[in-house]
Amino acid sequence: MMKQLSWMVLGLSCCWWTLPVQALDSPYIGSKGIDARKLHKFPYNLTGRKIAIGQVEIGRPGMFGWDKAVSGNHRVSLAGVFFRNKPAKSNSSVDTHAYNVAAIMVSNDKGFPGVAPAARLYSSAVGSTKGTAQAQECLSAQHIAMQNGGDVRAINFSFGEPLNRDPRPDAMLDGNALLTKCVDWSSRVHNVLYAIAGNQGKGGIPIPTDNFNGVNVAFSTIRERMFQKVDVSNLAAVSEAIARQLAGKEFNLGKRRAIGIVAPGNNIPVLKPNGIQTKVTGTSFASPQVTATVALLQEFGDQLLQKKQRNWSVSSRRHEVMKAVLLNSAEKIKDDGNGLRLGMTRTLIDKQNQNWLVSDAYKDPKIPLDSQMGTGHLNAFRAYKQFSAGQWKPSLAVPAIGWDYRLVETEKYREYILAQPLQKGSFVSVTLAWNRLVELKDQNRNGMFDAGEDFRDRGLNNLDLYLVKVDKKNTDNDAVCASISHVDSVEHIFCPVPDTGTYKIRVQFKRQINEPTQLYGLAWWTVPKK
C-alpha cells in the first residue's frame, strides 16, 4: 500500500539510507542542534513525562506488542495507534516513514533518544490516497486531538495534500482548503499547537502549509559543525519572477509568509522499525522536533502549576503562548559574548548565505517573518529560558524576559512597561501570536467535525506590535520598532535599542474583522542596562 503513497511524502522526506549497526551520535538534539539534551539532564530532568502529543500521517508507526514489524524493538513507546478515527488493526498501515518521525519525538533508546522520550504519543494513519481525501485527514487530526481526555498539547504533520487533489476549482494556497481550515479550527477548539512540515521543492505537498494558527517548519543542515544553514532543498522564492510564478501554488497567496521556524533536518540519525539505525533528510524530520519540544516545555509548565508557582497559570498550556515562546526564542545572530544579542549561539543563514540582518523581515515592519528562516532556528533550551521567566500582567512593570496570555478589545491596546531600562545597542525580541477564527458548520450539532461538513472562515483580526519609549503615546509616529503586518497571524520584532532608557511593549487591536475581542500570546526577551 505504501508504494502508492510514497509520492505524497517524497517532498518532505527526500532520502534515507541504512547504516551499519553501530552507535551514532544524534547531534540534532545536542548543542549543535536544538540543545534539548541539556533539558533531559539534572537539574531540569525534562523528558515529556505525562504530556500527550500527536502524529498524523499517511501510515503509522508500529506499536510494540501489536505489530510484527516491531516485535523485536520496543524503543519507540506509543500511547495509542489508530486508523483515522478508529483503533488501528494489527499489522495494518505500518510505515517506516511514520516510525522514523515518531522516533525523533519519543525514542527511549539510550544511544538515540527522542526529543521527548517519555511523552505520550498518539498516532493516526489516514491511509491510502484511494478513497481518502481531506475530510478523512481532518477526522484523523480531530481524533488525535481528543485523546488523553482531550488534553493533547501538540500534533505533528509530516505529510500534506497536493493542490491537484484539492476539489476546489483552481485551488490555491489561500487558507481555504478543508484541511487547512480544519487545522486552524482544531488549534483553537482543542487548544493544540500544530507543527507542520514545510512545503519542500516544486511540485510538493503544500496543503496545509497555508494555515494561520500552527507553525510551519523548514529544515537546516550542518555548516561549520552546527545546524545553522537553511538546507538547499527547502522551497524558497529566490527572485520576484519565481515568487509570482509559484504564488498560490507553492507559496501562500498574497504577502503572507509561511515558514515560522527552522529545525535540523539533514542527515538526521533515527531508528527503523527493525531497530536498524538509519539517516533521514527533509522537513518531515524537522517538524517533530518542534512538536516534542512543546512536550518538554509543557512538562515543566505543569510542574509549576502543581506547585502553584507565582506568575504562573493554566495560560501556560495555551497553544498561542507556545507558538510565541518558540518563535521568540529562536536563534538568528550569534552573540559576541556580551549578551547584547540575547545570548544566541548561532547565526542562521538562508540558501543564499544571507543572515537575518539583511532580510526584508528585519528591514520592513510590514513583514514579520523571513520567507526561508521564519523567526530563526529552534533552540529548546532557549525556549525553556523564555518560558520559565513566567507570565506577567500588563498592569504591572514586567521583567526583561517573560510572556503573557491576554485579551484585547478592538481599537484598544495593552502595554507592558519594562521594569528596568534597556541597554543601548542591545537587541529586543518580541513575538505576538493569535488565531484566525474558523468555525465548524456543524450540521448535526454534535460539536464535532463529520465527513460531509465544512468550516466557515471568519477571517483574521488585525493586531500590531510596537516597542515605544515609556513616555511616548503615539505608536505610529514614536515607535522605536514595530511589526504591523496586515495579513499575518504573527507579529515579530527583532531590533537594536537606539538609546539606553525605559521602554514599553504595546499590543494594539488595530482593525476588527470578526469578533470585537481578541486573545493573544505574547513573549519578549530584552537586555537590561548593566
Protein backbone atom coordinates (compact mmCIF):
# COMPACT_ATOMS: atom_id res chain seq x y z
CA MET A 1 0.00 0.00 0.00
CA MET A 2 2.73 2.43 0.94
CA LYS A 3 4.28 2.35 -2.56
CA GLN A 4 1.13 4.04 -3.81
CA LEU A 5 1.52 6.74 -1.19
CA SER A 6 5.22 7.44 -1.39
CA TRP A 7 4.78 10.44 -3.69
CA MET A 8 2.79 12.21 -1.00
CA VAL A 9 5.71 12.23 1.43
CA LEU A 10 8.53 12.41 -1.11
CA GLY A 11 8.72 16.18 -0.97
CA LEU A 12 9.00 16.07 2.81
CA SER A 13 11.49 13.25 3.27
CA CYS A 14 13.79 13.36 0.33
CA CYS A 15 16.06 10.47 1.26
CA TRP A 16 17.09 7.85 3.81
CA TRP A 17 19.70 5.11 3.84
CA THR A 18 20.63 2.23 6.10
CA LEU A 19 23.76 2.37 8.21
CA PRO A 20 25.75 -0.40 9.89
CA VAL A 21 24.56 -1.30 13.36
CA GLN A 22 26.80 0.88 15.49
CA ALA A 23 26.44 3.70 17.98
CA LEU A 24 25.71 7.02 16.29
CA ASP A 25 25.67 10.50 17.71
CA SER A 26 22.41 12.47 17.48
CA PRO A 27 23.77 15.99 17.05
CA TYR A 28 20.37 17.45 16.27
CA ILE A 29 19.24 17.20 19.92
CA GLY A 30 22.57 18.46 21.31
CA SER A 31 24.12 21.93 21.39
CA LYS A 32 24.84 21.76 17.65
CA GLY A 33 21.14 21.37 17.00
CA ILE A 34 18.17 22.28 19.19
CA ASP A 35 20.01 21.86 22.54
CA ALA A 36 17.31 19.63 24.02
CA ARG A 37 19.67 17.06 25.54
CA LYS A 38 20.56 19.58 28.24
CA LEU A 39 16.94 19.61 29.38
CA HIS A 40 16.96 15.82 29.80
CA LYS A 41 19.65 16.05 32.47
CA PHE A 42 19.86 17.35 36.02
CA PRO A 43 18.70 19.83 37.24
CA TYR A 44 15.95 20.06 34.60
CA ASN A 45 15.08 16.37 34.13
CA LEU A 46 12.54 17.17 31.42
CA THR A 47 11.60 14.29 29.14
CA GLY A 48 7.93 15.00 28.40
CA ARG A 49 6.51 12.83 31.20
CA LYS A 50 2.68 12.72 31.31
CA ILE A 51 2.42 15.10 28.32
CA ALA A 52 0.40 13.91 25.34
CA ILE A 53 1.43 14.79 21.79
CA GLY A 54 0.09 13.55 18.47
CA GLN A 55 1.06 12.44 14.99
CA VAL A 56 -1.00 12.27 11.79
CA GLU A 57 0.46 10.74 8.64
CA ILE A 58 -0.34 8.52 5.67
CA GLY A 59 0.82 5.49 7.65
CA ARG A 60 1.60 4.97 11.32
CA PRO A 61 4.49 3.72 13.43
CA GLY A 62 4.36 0.14 14.58
CA MET A 63 3.46 -0.42 18.22
CA PHE A 64 5.35 -2.99 20.29
CA GLY A 65 3.12 -5.91 21.25
CA TRP A 66 0.66 -5.06 18.47
CA ASP A 67 2.58 -5.10 15.18
CA LYS A 68 5.03 -7.73 13.92
CA ALA A 69 7.22 -5.07 12.29
CA VAL A 70 8.44 -4.01 15.75
CA SER A 71 8.19 -7.36 17.54
CA GLY A 72 11.86 -7.20 18.49
CA ASN A 73 12.05 -3.45 19.07
CA HIS A 74 10.39 -1.60 21.93
CA ARG A 75 12.46 1.58 21.68
CA VAL A 76 9.56 3.72 20.48
CA SER A 77 6.77 3.58 23.02
CA LEU A 78 3.33 4.66 21.83
CA ALA A 79 0.26 5.58 23.86
CA GLY A 80 -2.17 4.67 21.09
CA VAL A 81 -2.39 3.93 17.36
CA PHE A 82 -5.37 4.50 15.10
CA PHE A 83 -6.59 4.24 11.56
CA ARG A 84 -8.28 7.59 11.04
CA ASN A 85 -10.73 7.81 13.94
CA LYS A 86 -10.83 4.13 14.88
CA PRO A 87 -8.39 1.79 16.62
CA ALA A 88 -5.69 0.52 14.28
CA LYS A 89 -5.79 -3.07 13.08
CA SER A 90 -2.76 -5.13 13.95
CA ASN A 91 -0.05 -5.10 11.24
CA SER A 92 -2.05 -2.67 9.09
CA SER A 93 -0.87 0.73 7.77
CA VAL A 94 2.53 0.37 9.49
CA ASP A 95 5.03 2.67 7.78
CA THR A 96 8.78 3.24 8.12
CA HIS A 97 8.47 6.99 7.49
CA ALA A 98 5.96 7.37 10.32
CA TYR A 99 8.17 5.28 12.60
CA ASN A 100 11.19 7.50 11.85
CA VAL A 101 9.16 10.58 12.71
CA ALA A 102 7.86 9.02 15.92
CA ALA A 103 11.41 8.01 16.91
CA ILE A 104 12.55 11.63 16.69
CA MET A 105 9.85 12.53 19.18
CA VAL A 106 9.73 9.66 21.69
CA SER A 107 12.53 7.13 21.13
CA ASN A 108 13.73 5.81 24.50
CA ASP A 109 16.89 4.26 23.06
CA LYS A 110 19.88 5.44 25.10
CA GLY A 111 22.01 5.97 22.00
CA PHE A 112 19.16 7.51 20.01
CA PRO A 113 16.91 9.34 22.47
CA GLY A 114 13.99 11.28 21.11
CA VAL A 115 13.49 14.93 21.94
CA ALA A 116 10.81 13.99 24.50
CA PRO A 117 11.40 10.28 25.18
CA ALA A 118 8.81 9.99 27.97
CA ALA A 119 5.96 11.84 26.20
CA ARG A 120 2.71 10.03 25.40
CA LEU A 121 2.47 9.80 21.60
CA TYR A 122 -0.83 9.08 19.86
CA SER A 123 -0.60 8.33 16.14
CA SER A 124 -3.19 8.02 13.39
CA ALA A 125 -2.79 6.76 9.82
CA VAL A 126 -5.08 8.38 7.27
CA GLY A 127 -4.47 5.55 4.81
CA SER A 128 -4.22 5.14 1.06
CA THR A 129 -4.94 8.01 -1.30
CA LYS A 130 -7.55 5.73 -2.85
CA GLY A 131 -10.80 6.75 -1.22
CA THR A 132 -9.05 9.21 1.08
CA ALA A 133 -9.47 12.97 0.98
CA GLN A 134 -9.05 15.95 3.26
CA ALA A 135 -12.20 15.05 5.19
CA GLN A 136 -10.61 11.78 6.36
CA GLU A 137 -7.40 13.63 7.23
CA CYS A 138 -9.39 16.11 9.29
CA LEU A 139 -11.20 13.27 11.07
CA SER A 140 -7.81 11.78 11.92
CA ALA A 141 -6.48 15.07 13.31
CA GLN A 142 -9.63 15.63 15.34
CA HIS A 143 -9.44 12.12 16.75
CA ILE A 144 -5.84 12.58 17.86
CA ALA A 145 -6.66 15.99 19.39
CA MET A 146 -9.33 14.31 21.54
CA GLN A 147 -7.03 11.64 23.01
CA ASN A 148 -5.72 11.70 26.58
CA GLY A 149 -9.04 13.03 27.80
CA GLY A 150 -8.90 15.85 25.25
CA ASP A 151 -5.54 17.05 26.55
CA VAL A 152 -3.06 16.80 23.66
CA ARG A 153 -0.63 19.72 23.60
CA ALA A 154 0.85 19.47 20.07
CA ILE A 155 0.26 17.46 16.88
CA ASN A 156 2.81 16.74 14.18
CA PHE A 157 2.00 16.76 10.46
CA SER A 158 4.83 15.25 8.39
CA PHE A 159 2.57 14.88 5.39
CA GLY A 160 0.27 17.02 3.29
CA GLU A 161 -2.01 17.27 0.29
CA PRO A 162 -1.04 18.33 -3.24
CA LEU A 163 -3.12 21.07 -4.80
CA ASN A 164 -4.05 18.83 -7.72
CA ARG A 165 -6.08 16.67 -5.33
CA ASP A 166 -7.96 19.60 -3.85
CA PRO A 167 -11.57 19.52 -5.13
CA ARG A 168 -11.90 23.31 -5.36
CA PRO A 169 -11.75 24.74 -8.89
CA ASP A 170 -8.39 26.49 -9.48
CA ALA A 171 -7.31 25.59 -5.94
CA MET A 172 -4.76 27.95 -4.43
CA LEU A 173 -2.86 28.27 -1.15
CA ASP A 174 -5.27 30.85 0.20
CA GLY A 175 -6.11 29.22 3.52
CA ASN A 176 -9.43 27.83 2.30
CA ALA A 177 -8.65 24.16 1.71
CA LEU A 178 -10.74 21.99 4.02
CA LEU A 179 -7.68 20.51 5.76
CA THR A 180 -6.15 23.94 6.29
CA LYS A 181 -9.36 25.26 7.83
CA CYS A 182 -9.56 22.09 9.92
CA VAL A 183 -6.09 22.71 11.36
CA ASP A 184 -6.95 26.31 12.25
CA TRP A 185 -10.30 25.28 13.75
CA SER A 186 -8.78 22.44 15.78
CA SER A 187 -5.94 24.66 17.02
CA ARG A 188 -8.47 26.93 18.68
CA VAL A 189 -11.17 24.45 19.72
CA HIS A 190 -8.84 21.72 21.00
CA ASN A 191 -6.06 24.08 22.13
CA VAL A 192 -3.37 22.24 20.16
CA LEU A 193 -0.24 23.61 18.52
CA TYR A 194 0.12 22.02 15.08
CA ALA A 195 3.70 21.66 13.80
CA ILE A 196 3.52 21.34 10.02
CA ALA A 197 6.37 20.10 7.84
CA GLY A 198 7.07 22.98 5.46
CA ASN A 199 6.50 22.54 1.75
CA GLN A 200 9.67 21.34 0.08
CA GLY A 201 10.55 21.53 -3.61
CA LYS A 202 8.48 22.40 -6.66
CA GLY A 203 5.54 20.08 -7.05
CA GLY A 204 5.46 19.39 -3.32
CA ILE A 205 2.51 18.85 -1.00
CA PRO A 206 1.68 22.32 0.28
CA ILE A 207 -1.71 21.86 1.99
CA PRO A 208 -1.98 22.71 4.94
CA THR A 209 1.13 24.94 4.94
CA ASP A 210 -1.25 27.85 4.27
CA ASN A 211 -2.58 27.58 7.84
CA PHE A 212 -2.60 30.57 10.19
CA ASN A 213 -2.71 29.06 13.68
CA GLY A 214 0.01 26.40 13.51
CA VAL A 215 3.78 26.60 12.95
CA ASN A 216 5.33 25.62 9.61
CA VAL A 217 8.85 24.23 9.90
CA ALA A 218 11.75 24.47 7.45
CA PHE A 219 14.92 22.40 7.89
CA SER A 220 18.58 23.19 8.43
CA THR A 221 21.83 21.47 7.58
CA ILE A 222 25.22 21.45 9.29
CA ARG A 223 27.65 24.20 8.38
CA GLU A 224 30.87 24.60 10.36
CA ARG A 225 29.86 21.80 12.73
CA MET A 226 26.49 23.31 13.61
CA PHE A 227 22.96 23.26 12.22
CA GLN A 228 22.90 26.84 11.02
CA LYS A 229 22.08 26.95 7.32
CA VAL A 230 18.69 26.56 5.65
CA ASP A 231 19.04 23.43 3.53
CA VAL A 232 19.02 23.91 -0.23
CA SER A 233 16.07 21.51 -0.57
CA ASN A 234 13.73 23.93 1.19
CA LEU A 235 11.38 25.71 -1.17
CA ALA A 236 12.15 29.42 -1.46
CA ALA A 237 11.46 32.22 -3.94
CA VAL A 238 14.92 33.45 -4.82
CA SER A 239 13.56 36.04 -7.25
CA GLU A 240 10.38 38.03 -7.79
CA ALA A 241 9.76 36.16 -11.04
CA ILE A 242 9.78 32.80 -9.28
CA ALA A 243 7.64 34.20 -6.47
CA ARG A 244 5.00 35.37 -8.95
CA GLN A 245 5.09 32.07 -10.81
CA LEU A 246 4.59 29.93 -7.69
CA ALA A 247 2.37 32.29 -5.66
CA GLY A 248 -0.73 30.46 -4.54
CA LYS A 249 0.65 27.14 -5.77
CA GLU A 250 3.76 26.53 -3.71
CA PHE A 251 3.72 29.72 -1.61
CA ASN A 252 0.86 31.40 0.20
CA LEU A 253 -1.28 33.61 -1.96
CA GLY A 254 -0.54 37.28 -1.31
CA LYS A 255 2.12 38.61 1.05
CA ARG A 256 1.57 36.25 3.97
CA ARG A 257 4.68 34.27 4.88
CA ALA A 258 4.54 30.51 5.51
CA ILE A 259 7.65 29.42 7.44
CA GLY A 260 7.63 30.08 11.17
CA ILE A 261 10.80 28.37 12.39
CA VAL A 262 13.75 26.22 11.29
CA ALA A 263 14.90 22.93 12.86
CA PRO A 264 17.58 20.36 11.94
CA GLY A 265 16.60 18.10 9.07
CA ASN A 266 19.66 16.95 7.11
CA ASN A 267 21.26 13.58 7.85
CA ILE A 268 19.19 13.01 10.98
CA PRO A 269 20.01 9.64 12.62
CA VAL A 270 16.92 7.63 13.59
CA LEU A 271 15.78 4.06 14.13
CA LYS A 272 13.85 1.91 11.66
CA PRO A 273 11.06 -0.42 12.88
CA ASN A 274 13.51 -3.38 12.92
CA GLY A 275 15.87 -1.45 15.19
CA ILE A 276 18.46 -0.77 12.49
CA GLN A 277 19.95 2.71 12.53
CA THR A 278 19.42 4.96 9.54
CA LYS A 279 19.77 8.59 8.47
CA VAL A 280 16.97 10.69 7.00
CA THR A 281 16.61 14.13 5.46
CA GLY A 282 13.68 16.51 4.99
CA THR A 283 11.19 18.79 6.67
CA SER A 284 9.36 15.65 7.83
CA PHE A 285 12.09 15.21 10.41
CA ALA A 286 12.36 18.86 11.44
CA SER A 287 8.73 19.40 12.45
CA PRO A 288 8.63 16.57 15.06
CA GLN A 289 11.43 18.33 16.92
CA VAL A 290 9.11 21.30 17.36
CA THR A 291 6.25 19.04 18.45
CA ALA A 292 8.39 17.23 21.02
CA THR A 293 9.93 20.47 22.34
CA VAL A 294 6.39 21.50 23.27
CA ALA A 295 6.19 18.34 25.40
CA LEU A 296 9.35 19.32 27.31
CA LEU A 297 8.07 22.81 27.97
CA GLN A 298 4.64 21.60 28.97
CA GLU A 299 6.06 19.10 31.44
CA PHE A 300 7.91 21.98 33.09
CA GLY A 301 4.79 24.17 33.00
CA ASP A 302 2.62 21.51 34.60
CA GLN A 303 5.18 21.07 37.38
CA LEU A 304 4.86 24.76 38.24
CA LEU A 305 1.07 24.55 38.11
CA GLN A 306 1.16 21.74 40.68
CA LYS A 307 3.40 23.88 42.89
CA LYS A 308 1.07 26.86 42.42
CA GLN A 309 4.04 28.91 41.35
CA ARG A 310 3.72 32.68 41.41
CA ASN A 311 3.42 34.29 37.97
CA TRP A 312 2.15 31.02 36.50
CA SER A 313 -1.30 29.91 35.39
CA VAL A 314 -3.13 27.48 33.12
CA SER A 315 -2.48 30.01 30.36
CA SER A 316 0.89 28.25 30.13
CA ARG A 317 -0.98 25.46 28.31
CA ARG A 318 -2.29 27.73 25.55
CA HIS A 319 -1.09 27.00 22.04
CA GLU A 320 -0.75 30.73 21.30
CA VAL A 321 1.70 31.00 24.20
CA MET A 322 3.69 28.00 22.98
CA LYS A 323 3.85 29.49 19.50
CA ALA A 324 5.02 32.87 20.77
CA VAL A 325 7.62 31.28 23.09
CA LEU A 326 9.09 29.02 20.39
CA LEU A 327 9.26 31.75 17.75
CA ASN A 328 10.58 34.43 20.09
CA SER A 329 13.38 32.28 21.50
CA ALA A 330 14.55 31.13 18.04
CA GLU A 331 18.14 32.00 17.12
CA LYS A 332 19.14 34.49 14.41
CA ILE A 333 22.53 36.11 15.03
CA LYS A 334 25.32 34.70 17.22
CA ASP A 335 26.04 36.71 20.33
CA ASP A 336 29.51 38.26 20.68
CA GLY A 337 29.71 37.16 24.30
CA ASN A 338 28.39 40.42 25.78
CA GLY A 339 24.77 39.30 25.84
CA LEU A 340 23.57 42.13 23.61
CA ARG A 341 22.25 39.65 21.05
CA LEU A 342 20.30 37.78 23.70
CA GLY A 343 22.92 35.06 24.14
CA MET A 344 22.20 33.40 20.80
CA THR A 345 24.60 30.58 19.92
CA ARG A 346 24.49 30.60 16.11
CA THR A 347 24.00 32.79 13.06
CA LEU A 348 21.38 31.21 10.83
CA ILE A 349 21.84 31.81 7.11
CA ASP A 350 19.46 31.20 4.23
CA LYS A 351 20.06 29.37 0.96
CA GLN A 352 21.83 32.44 -0.44
CA ASN A 353 24.09 32.65 2.64
CA GLN A 354 22.33 35.79 3.88
CA ASN A 355 21.53 36.32 7.56
CA TRP A 356 18.57 37.92 9.30
CA LEU A 357 20.12 41.41 9.39
CA VAL A 358 19.91 41.74 5.61
CA SER A 359 16.43 40.21 5.28
CA ASP A 360 13.28 42.09 4.35
CA ALA A 361 11.77 40.88 7.63
CA TYR A 362 14.43 42.85 9.51
CA LYS A 363 14.04 45.97 7.40
CA ASP A 364 10.29 46.15 6.73
CA PRO A 365 7.87 46.40 9.69
CA LYS A 366 5.08 45.00 7.48
CA ILE A 367 6.95 41.68 7.13
CA PRO A 368 7.25 39.78 10.44
CA LEU A 369 8.71 36.51 9.10
CA ASP A 370 11.61 35.75 6.79
CA SER A 371 10.45 33.65 3.83
CA GLN A 372 13.10 30.99 4.45
CA MET A 373 14.02 31.35 8.14
CA GLY A 374 10.77 32.38 9.81
CA THR A 375 11.93 33.92 13.10
CA GLY A 376 15.07 31.76 13.26
CA HIS A 377 16.36 28.36 14.41
CA LEU A 378 14.68 26.29 17.10
CA ASN A 379 16.58 26.08 20.39
CA ALA A 380 14.75 24.07 23.04
CA PHE A 381 16.89 25.30 25.91
CA ARG A 382 16.37 28.95 24.95
CA ALA A 383 12.65 28.21 24.67
CA TYR A 384 12.81 26.85 28.22
CA LYS A 385 14.52 30.05 29.41
CA GLN A 386 11.85 32.14 27.65
CA PHE A 387 9.01 30.07 29.10
CA SER A 388 10.41 29.70 32.62
CA ALA A 389 10.56 33.51 33.01
CA GLY A 390 6.84 33.33 33.78
CA GLN A 391 3.60 35.11 32.96
CA TRP A 392 3.35 38.85 33.62
CA LYS A 393 0.35 41.15 33.52
CA PRO A 394 0.34 44.45 31.62
CA SER A 395 -0.96 46.28 34.69
CA LEU A 396 2.41 45.85 36.44
CA ALA A 397 6.02 46.54 35.47
CA VAL A 398 7.38 43.43 33.79
CA PRO A 399 10.87 41.83 33.87
CA ALA A 400 13.33 41.70 30.97
CA ILE A 401 12.10 38.27 29.84
CA GLY A 402 8.56 36.94 30.07
CA TRP A 403 5.29 36.01 28.40
CA ASP A 404 1.57 36.61 28.72
CA TYR A 405 -1.82 35.40 27.51
CA ARG A 406 -4.37 38.15 27.40
CA LEU A 407 -7.45 39.62 25.74
CA VAL A 408 -7.50 42.96 23.95
CA GLU A 409 -10.57 44.85 22.75
CA THR A 410 -10.99 46.40 19.33
CA GLU A 411 -9.32 49.81 18.85
CA LYS A 412 -7.69 49.45 22.28
CA TYR A 413 -4.29 48.25 23.43
CA ARG A 414 -2.31 46.55 26.18
CA GLU A 415 1.01 47.97 27.37
CA TYR A 416 3.84 46.14 29.12
CA ILE A 417 6.26 48.58 30.78
CA LEU A 418 9.69 47.02 31.24
CA ALA A 419 10.80 47.45 34.84
CA GLN A 420 14.47 48.02 34.01
CA PRO A 421 16.00 50.40 31.45
CA LEU A 422 17.26 48.68 28.32
CA GLN A 423 20.90 48.74 27.27
CA LYS A 424 21.79 50.83 24.22
CA GLY A 425 22.83 48.59 21.32
CA SER A 426 21.17 45.51 22.78
CA PHE A 427 18.54 43.65 20.79
CA VAL A 428 14.90 43.27 21.68
CA SER A 429 12.88 40.24 20.58
CA VAL A 430 9.09 40.32 20.90
CA THR A 431 6.55 37.94 19.32
CA LEU A 432 2.78 38.20 19.22
CA ALA A 433 0.57 35.28 18.08
CA TRP A 434 -3.19 34.99 17.72
CA ASN A 435 -5.76 32.93 15.82
CA ARG A 436 -7.64 33.19 12.60
CA LEU A 437 -11.26 32.50 13.52
CA VAL A 438 -12.51 29.35 11.77
CA GLU A 439 -15.83 27.88 12.85
CA LEU A 440 -17.38 24.50 12.17
CA LYS A 441 -20.55 24.34 10.09
CA ASP A 442 -21.94 21.76 12.47
CA GLN A 443 -24.93 20.34 10.61
CA ASN A 444 -25.85 17.71 13.21
CA ARG A 445 -24.84 19.93 16.15
CA ASN A 446 -22.72 17.30 17.84
CA GLY A 447 -19.78 19.66 18.34
CA MET A 448 -17.51 17.57 16.13
CA PHE A 449 -16.43 17.55 12.51
CA ASP A 450 -18.11 14.82 10.48
CA ALA A 451 -17.43 13.80 6.89
CA GLY A 452 -19.56 15.99 4.62
CA GLU A 453 -19.33 19.04 6.88
CA ASP A 454 -17.25 22.14 6.22
CA PHE A 455 -15.84 25.16 8.01
CA ARG A 456 -16.53 28.87 7.91
CA ASP A 457 -13.60 31.27 7.71
CA ARG A 458 -14.40 34.43 9.64
CA GLY A 459 -11.04 35.98 8.96
CA LEU A 460 -8.19 37.39 10.97
CA ASN A 461 -8.39 40.39 13.27
CA ASN A 462 -5.50 42.80 12.76
CA LEU A 463 -3.18 43.22 15.74
CA ASP A 464 0.01 45.28 15.69
CA LEU A 465 3.09 45.25 17.91
CA TYR A 466 5.32 48.16 18.99
CA LEU A 467 8.35 48.96 21.12
CA VAL A 468 8.00 52.51 22.42
CA LYS A 469 9.83 54.72 24.90
CA VAL A 470 7.84 54.79 28.11
CA ASP A 471 6.85 58.47 27.84
CA LYS A 472 5.54 58.23 24.27
CA LYS A 473 1.89 57.66 23.37
CA ASN A 474 1.61 57.85 19.59
CA THR A 475 2.90 54.47 18.47
CA ASP A 476 2.63 55.13 14.73
CA ASN A 477 4.96 58.12 14.93
CA ASP A 478 7.03 57.41 18.05
CA ALA A 479 7.66 53.66 17.91
CA VAL A 480 11.30 52.64 18.09
CA CYS A 481 10.43 49.34 16.40
CA ALA A 482 7.17 47.94 15.04
CA SER A 483 5.61 44.90 13.41
CA ILE A 484 2.47 45.89 11.54
CA SER A 485 1.58 43.18 9.05
CA HIS A 486 -1.99 43.33 7.74
CA VAL A 487 -2.11 39.67 6.68
CA ASP A 488 -0.14 37.53 9.16
CA SER A 489 -1.31 35.98 12.44
CA VAL A 490 2.13 36.68 13.91
CA GLU A 491 3.92 39.95 14.62
CA HIS A 492 7.62 39.81 15.40
CA ILE A 493 10.12 42.47 16.44
CA PHE A 494 13.88 41.96 16.45
CA CYS A 495 15.70 45.26 16.60
CA PRO A 496 18.50 47.12 18.43
CA VAL A 497 17.76 49.62 21.21
CA PRO A 498 18.81 53.10 19.99
CA ASP A 499 19.31 54.66 23.44
CA THR A 500 19.58 53.43 27.00
CA GLY A 501 16.24 54.10 28.64
CA THR A 502 12.90 52.74 29.80
CA TYR A 503 10.64 51.17 27.17
CA LYS A 504 7.26 49.55 26.87
CA ILE A 505 5.73 46.92 24.59
CA ARG A 506 2.36 47.77 23.11
CA VAL A 507 -0.14 45.26 21.67
CA GLN A 508 -2.74 47.15 19.68
CA PHE A 509 -6.01 45.84 18.22
CA LYS A 510 -5.92 47.89 15.04
CA ARG A 511 -8.81 46.56 12.97
CA GLN A 512 -11.76 44.30 13.73
CA ILE A 513 -12.53 41.60 11.15
CA ASN A 514 -14.58 39.17 13.23
CA GLU A 515 -15.14 39.44 16.99
CA PRO A 516 -14.61 42.68 18.97
CA THR A 517 -12.15 40.98 21.36
CA GLN A 518 -9.01 39.00 20.57
CA LEU A 519 -6.98 36.60 22.71
CA TYR A 520 -3.24 36.55 22.08
CA GLY A 521 0.03 35.03 23.24
CA LEU A 522 2.98 37.36 23.77
CA ALA A 523 6.66 36.67 24.54
CA TRP A 524 9.51 39.13 24.99
CA TRP A 525 13.28 38.96 25.58
CA THR A 526 15.32 42.10 26.33
CA VAL A 527 18.66 43.11 27.88
CA PRO A 528 18.58 45.39 30.96
CA LYS A 529 21.09 48.19 31.44
CA LYS A 530 24.31 46.96 33.02
